[in-house]
Amino acid sequence: MIQLILSLLISVNLQAAINKDAIKDELLQKYLTTYSDQKQLANLKQETLKHGGGSVSALIEVMKNGKYPDKNRWMATFLLGQIMGDKSAPFLSKFFKHPSWVMRMASLKTMLALKQKKYGPQYALMLSDDSLIVRAQALENIKQLKITNAGPQVWTMLYDKKNYYQPTLNGKIMKSKRTNLIKDVVTTVGVLKFGEAQDPLFKMIQKNRYADIFPEMDLALSNITGKKSPAGDMKIKRIFWQRAALDRNF
């Protein structure tokens, strides 16, 4: 009787392993395909979710292997987070240093969806990533998750030349211009209530050369100081912040 039960258990486990391998092979074959139709991608997503934990090994393989299309690797990253939840975070964090910006970006976005705050130091390091898009996503993670300890690194982005556009005219290098990322940096500094930025912002908001980021500075100062500038034009608001700076110094 005991031998019969053991035989049955072995048979069941063997069949489960065979089924699991079959699911993996089938999914991997489908993830190799480059889909131009969003409906086909949606169907693949549903099929992956249907298999639940049985899809995990296939998703990991897709993420790790460059032979799969970027769009599919992107989706695999999100689905792994959706299926495994917080348990996927340690594995996802390994992709912060992946050679492909797509995978660095996908891992960051998935971590944000999972609300993983404890990886704040890693997000801060990625604020100097070679890819502008990745830097912007790392900043978004820090802003949305309110990683206050990253305030100094966020503020440093204002002085990083990679965050500025360098136009040329007839081969001549013109004055660098701020990208939209700089606006996000100033906004994030306010969200984090980074106090060390207060005095520099008091000075910057009075200067015309920073007029293009005036709304962001105004909002950041409001968040940091707890004061709100009055309704009106730039001149009225500048007077308000000038007085606020004087009150701080006396």
Protein backbone atom coordinates (compact mmCIF):
# COMPACT_ATOMS: atom_id res chain seq x y z
CA MET A 1 0.00 0.00 0.00
CA ILE A 2 2.81 2.42 0.94
CA GLN A 3 4.62 1.60 -2.29
CA LEU A 4 1.45 2.33 -4.27
CA ILE A 5 1.03 5.73 -2.61
CA LEU A 6 4.69 6.59 -3.25
CA SER A 7 4.32 5.58 -6.87
CA LEU A 8 1.27 7.78 -7.25
CA LEU A 9 3.04 10.75 -5.65
CA ILE A 10 6.06 10.32 -7.90
CA SER A 11 3.76 10.08 -10.93
CA VAL A 12 1.87 13.23 -9.97
CA ASN A 13 5.07 15.19 -9.35
CA LEU A 14 6.57 14.00 -12.61
CA GLN A 15 3.47 15.00 -14.53
CA ALA A 16 3.47 18.43 -12.86
CA ALA A 17 7.11 18.92 -13.85
CA ILE A 18 6.34 17.90 -17.43
CA ASN A 19 3.40 20.31 -17.58
CA LYS A 20 5.54 23.11 -16.13
CA ASP A 21 8.24 22.54 -18.75
CA ALA A 22 5.60 22.49 -21.48
CA ILE A 23 4.18 25.83 -20.31
CA LYS A 24 7.67 27.36 -20.24
CA ASP A 25 8.55 26.10 -23.72
CA GLU A 26 5.26 27.33 -25.15
CA LEU A 27 5.61 30.78 -23.59
CA LEU A 28 9.24 31.17 -24.64
CA GLN A 29 8.32 30.41 -28.22
CA LYS A 30 5.63 33.08 -28.15
CA TYR A 31 7.90 35.64 -26.50
CA LEU A 32 10.35 35.19 -29.38
CA THR A 33 7.80 36.69 -31.77
CA THR A 34 7.86 40.40 -32.58
CA TYR A 35 4.27 41.58 -32.33
CA SER A 36 3.07 44.67 -34.18
CA ASP A 37 -0.53 44.21 -33.05
CA GLN A 38 -1.30 45.38 -29.51
CA LYS A 39 -4.11 42.84 -29.33
CA GLN A 40 -1.61 40.02 -29.80
CA LEU A 41 0.53 41.41 -26.99
CA ALA A 42 -2.55 41.70 -24.80
CA ASN A 43 -3.38 38.04 -25.50
CA LEU A 44 0.16 36.99 -24.57
CA LYS A 45 -0.13 38.97 -21.36
CA GLN A 46 -3.40 37.26 -20.46
CA GLU A 47 -1.98 33.84 -21.22
CA THR A 48 1.06 34.54 -19.05
CA LEU A 49 -1.09 35.70 -16.14
CA LYS A 50 -3.36 32.67 -16.55
CA HIS A 51 -0.45 30.35 -15.79
CA GLY A 52 0.49 32.43 -12.71
CA GLY A 53 3.55 31.06 -10.96
CA GLY A 54 4.01 28.59 -13.79
CA SER A 55 5.08 31.51 -15.99
CA VAL A 56 7.86 32.75 -13.71
CA SER A 57 10.73 30.66 -15.10
CA ALA A 58 9.82 31.70 -18.66
CA LEU A 59 9.60 35.39 -17.70
CA ILE A 60 13.01 35.25 -16.03
CA GLU A 61 14.51 33.67 -19.13
CA VAL A 62 13.00 36.36 -21.37
CA MET A 63 14.33 39.13 -19.14
CA LYS A 64 17.84 37.70 -19.04
CA ASN A 65 18.21 36.78 -22.71
CA GLY A 66 18.86 39.45 -25.34
CA LYS A 67 17.48 37.30 -28.15
CA TYR A 68 13.94 38.28 -27.15
CA PRO A 69 12.43 41.53 -28.54
CA ASP A 70 12.77 44.54 -26.22
CA LYS A 71 9.02 45.09 -26.14
CA ASN A 72 8.49 41.53 -24.91
CA ARG A 73 11.27 41.79 -22.32
CA TRP A 74 9.66 45.01 -21.09
CA MET A 75 6.31 43.27 -20.66
CA ALA A 76 7.93 40.24 -19.04
CA THR A 77 9.47 42.51 -16.40
CA PHE A 78 6.13 44.04 -15.47
CA LEU A 79 4.40 40.67 -15.44
CA LEU A 80 7.02 39.18 -13.16
CA GLY A 81 6.33 41.97 -10.69
CA GLN A 82 2.59 41.48 -11.06
CA ILE A 83 2.77 37.73 -10.47
CA MET A 84 5.42 37.60 -7.73
CA GLY A 85 4.73 40.94 -6.06
CA ASP A 86 7.28 42.11 -3.48
CA LYS A 87 9.17 38.81 -3.76
CA SER A 88 10.34 39.87 -7.23
CA ALA A 89 12.09 43.03 -5.97
CA PRO A 90 15.54 41.51 -5.20
CA PHE A 91 15.68 39.98 -8.68
CA LEU A 92 14.41 43.13 -10.38
CA SER A 93 17.02 45.24 -8.61
CA LYS A 94 19.76 43.29 -10.39
CA PHE A 95 18.64 44.90 -13.64
CA PHE A 96 19.48 48.41 -12.42
CA LYS A 97 22.95 47.85 -13.88
CA HIS A 98 21.84 45.98 -17.01
CA PRO A 99 23.58 47.03 -20.26
CA SER A 100 20.22 47.70 -21.93
CA TRP A 101 18.51 50.97 -20.94
CA VAL A 102 15.19 49.28 -21.71
CA MET A 103 15.71 46.76 -18.94
CA ARG A 104 16.98 49.38 -16.49
CA MET A 105 13.90 51.45 -17.24
CA ALA A 106 11.50 48.51 -17.02
CA SER A 107 12.90 47.40 -13.67
CA LEU A 108 12.58 50.93 -12.27
CA LYS A 109 8.97 51.30 -13.41
CA THR A 110 8.06 47.90 -12.00
CA MET A 111 9.68 48.79 -8.67
CA LEU A 112 7.62 51.97 -8.59
CA ALA A 113 4.44 49.98 -9.24
CA LEU A 114 5.43 47.73 -6.33
CA LYS A 115 6.11 50.82 -4.16
CA GLN A 116 9.58 49.58 -3.23
CA LYS A 117 10.94 52.39 -1.05
CA LYS A 118 13.87 50.47 0.43
CA TYR A 119 15.74 50.63 -2.86
CA GLY A 120 16.03 54.41 -2.55
CA PRO A 121 19.86 54.38 -2.49
CA GLN A 122 19.89 52.48 -5.79
CA TYR A 123 17.40 54.92 -7.36
CA ALA A 124 19.65 57.78 -6.25
CA LEU A 125 22.66 56.20 -7.96
CA MET A 126 20.66 55.92 -11.17
CA LEU A 127 20.13 59.68 -11.24
CA SER A 128 23.48 59.80 -13.03
CA ASP A 129 22.67 56.99 -15.48
CA ASP A 130 23.96 57.39 -19.05
CA SER A 131 20.39 57.36 -20.36
CA LEU A 132 18.29 60.50 -19.93
CA ILE A 133 15.13 58.40 -19.92
CA VAL A 134 16.44 56.18 -17.13
CA ARG A 135 17.52 59.21 -15.09
CA ALA A 136 14.03 60.66 -15.48
CA GLN A 137 12.43 57.41 -14.28
CA ALA A 138 14.77 57.14 -11.29
CA LEU A 139 13.78 60.70 -10.39
CA GLU A 140 10.11 59.79 -10.75
CA ASN A 141 10.55 56.83 -8.39
CA ILE A 142 12.18 59.10 -5.82
CA LYS A 143 9.46 61.73 -6.16
CA GLN A 144 6.48 59.36 -6.08
CA LEU A 145 7.87 57.27 -3.22
CA LYS A 146 9.14 60.37 -1.38
CA ILE A 147 12.67 59.08 -0.85
CA THR A 148 13.74 62.06 1.26
CA ASN A 149 17.29 60.80 1.78
CA ALA A 150 17.91 61.26 -1.94
CA GLY A 151 17.51 65.06 -1.69
CA PRO A 152 21.24 65.84 -2.09
CA GLN A 153 21.58 63.63 -5.19
CA VAL A 154 18.47 65.14 -6.75
CA TRP A 155 19.78 68.68 -6.18
CA THR A 156 23.13 67.70 -7.73
CA MET A 157 21.31 66.96 -10.99
CA LEU A 158 21.02 70.71 -11.56
CA TYR A 159 24.78 70.84 -12.05
CA ASP A 160 25.15 67.73 -14.21
CA LYS A 161 25.85 68.70 -17.83
CA LYS A 162 24.14 65.53 -19.05
CA ASN A 163 20.81 67.06 -18.03
CA TYR A 164 21.20 70.01 -20.39
CA TYR A 165 20.74 70.25 -24.14
CA GLN A 166 23.72 71.55 -26.09
CA PRO A 167 22.42 73.14 -29.35
CA THR A 168 24.69 73.92 -32.30
CA LEU A 169 24.33 76.43 -35.13
CA ASN A 170 26.40 75.97 -38.27
CA GLY A 171 28.74 73.74 -36.31
CA LYS A 172 29.15 76.29 -33.54
CA ILE A 173 28.25 75.24 -30.00
CA MET A 174 25.59 77.52 -28.55
CA LYS A 175 24.62 78.15 -24.93
CA SER A 176 23.31 75.01 -23.24
CA LYS A 177 19.60 74.82 -22.48
CA ARG A 178 17.70 73.17 -19.68
CA THR A 179 15.77 70.02 -20.54
CA ASN A 180 12.36 69.22 -19.05
CA LEU A 181 14.22 66.95 -16.65
CA ILE A 182 15.52 70.04 -14.84
CA LYS A 183 11.93 71.17 -14.23
CA ASP A 184 11.22 67.76 -12.72
CA VAL A 185 14.34 68.04 -10.57
CA VAL A 186 13.16 71.34 -9.06
CA THR A 187 9.66 69.98 -8.51
CA THR A 188 11.06 66.86 -6.82
CA VAL A 189 13.28 68.93 -4.52
CA GLY A 190 10.10 70.59 -3.32
CA VAL A 191 8.22 67.33 -2.86
CA LEU A 192 11.11 66.01 -0.78
CA LYS A 193 11.18 69.28 1.21
CA PHE A 194 14.94 69.42 0.77
CA GLY A 195 15.82 72.34 3.04
CA GLU A 196 19.34 72.88 1.68
CA ALA A 197 17.83 73.98 -1.62
CA GLN A 198 15.85 76.80 -0.01
CA ASP A 199 18.47 79.57 -0.03
CA PRO A 200 19.73 78.82 -3.55
CA LEU A 201 16.12 78.82 -4.80
CA PHE A 202 15.48 82.18 -3.10
CA LYS A 203 18.31 83.59 -5.22
CA MET A 204 17.50 81.76 -8.43
CA ILE A 205 13.84 82.79 -8.47
CA GLN A 206 14.88 86.46 -8.58
CA LYS A 207 16.98 85.99 -11.75
CA ASN A 208 15.57 86.27 -15.27
CA ARG A 209 17.82 83.54 -16.61
CA TYR A 210 15.78 81.05 -14.60
CA ALA A 211 12.42 82.37 -15.78
CA ASP A 212 11.75 79.18 -17.76
CA ILE A 213 11.58 77.18 -14.53
CA PHE A 214 9.87 79.89 -12.46
CA PRO A 215 6.61 77.92 -11.83
CA GLU A 216 8.61 74.92 -10.60
CA MET A 217 10.76 77.07 -8.29
CA ASP A 218 7.67 78.82 -6.95
CA LEU A 219 6.04 75.47 -6.15
CA ALA A 220 9.23 74.02 -4.68
CA LEU A 221 9.66 76.98 -2.34
CA SER A 222 6.04 76.68 -1.25
CA ASN A 223 6.57 73.02 -0.37
CA ILE A 224 9.84 73.63 1.45
CA THR A 225 8.82 76.73 3.40
CA GLY A 226 5.16 75.95 3.93
CA LYS A 227 4.31 79.38 2.50
CA LYS A 228 2.32 80.09 -0.64
CA SER A 229 3.07 83.01 -2.92
CA PRO A 230 0.11 85.28 -3.76
CA ALA A 231 -1.80 85.06 -7.01
CA GLY A 232 -0.41 87.33 -9.67
CA ASP A 233 2.42 87.71 -12.13
CA MET A 234 6.08 86.85 -11.72
CA LYS A 235 6.93 90.28 -10.30
CA ILE A 236 4.44 89.94 -7.44
CA LYS A 237 5.67 86.47 -6.58
CA ARG A 238 9.31 87.55 -6.68
CA ILE A 239 8.61 90.31 -4.15
CA PHE A 240 6.93 87.77 -1.90
CA TRP A 241 9.90 85.39 -1.99
CA GLN A 242 12.35 88.25 -1.54
CA ARG A 243 10.59 89.20 1.69
CA ALA A 244 10.47 85.56 2.75
CA ALA A 245 14.23 85.33 2.27
CA LEU A 246 14.77 88.46 4.35
CA ASP A 247 12.53 87.11 7.12
CA ARG A 248 14.63 83.96 7.16
CA ASN A 249 17.87 85.89 7.51
CA PHE A 250 16.68 88.12 10.34
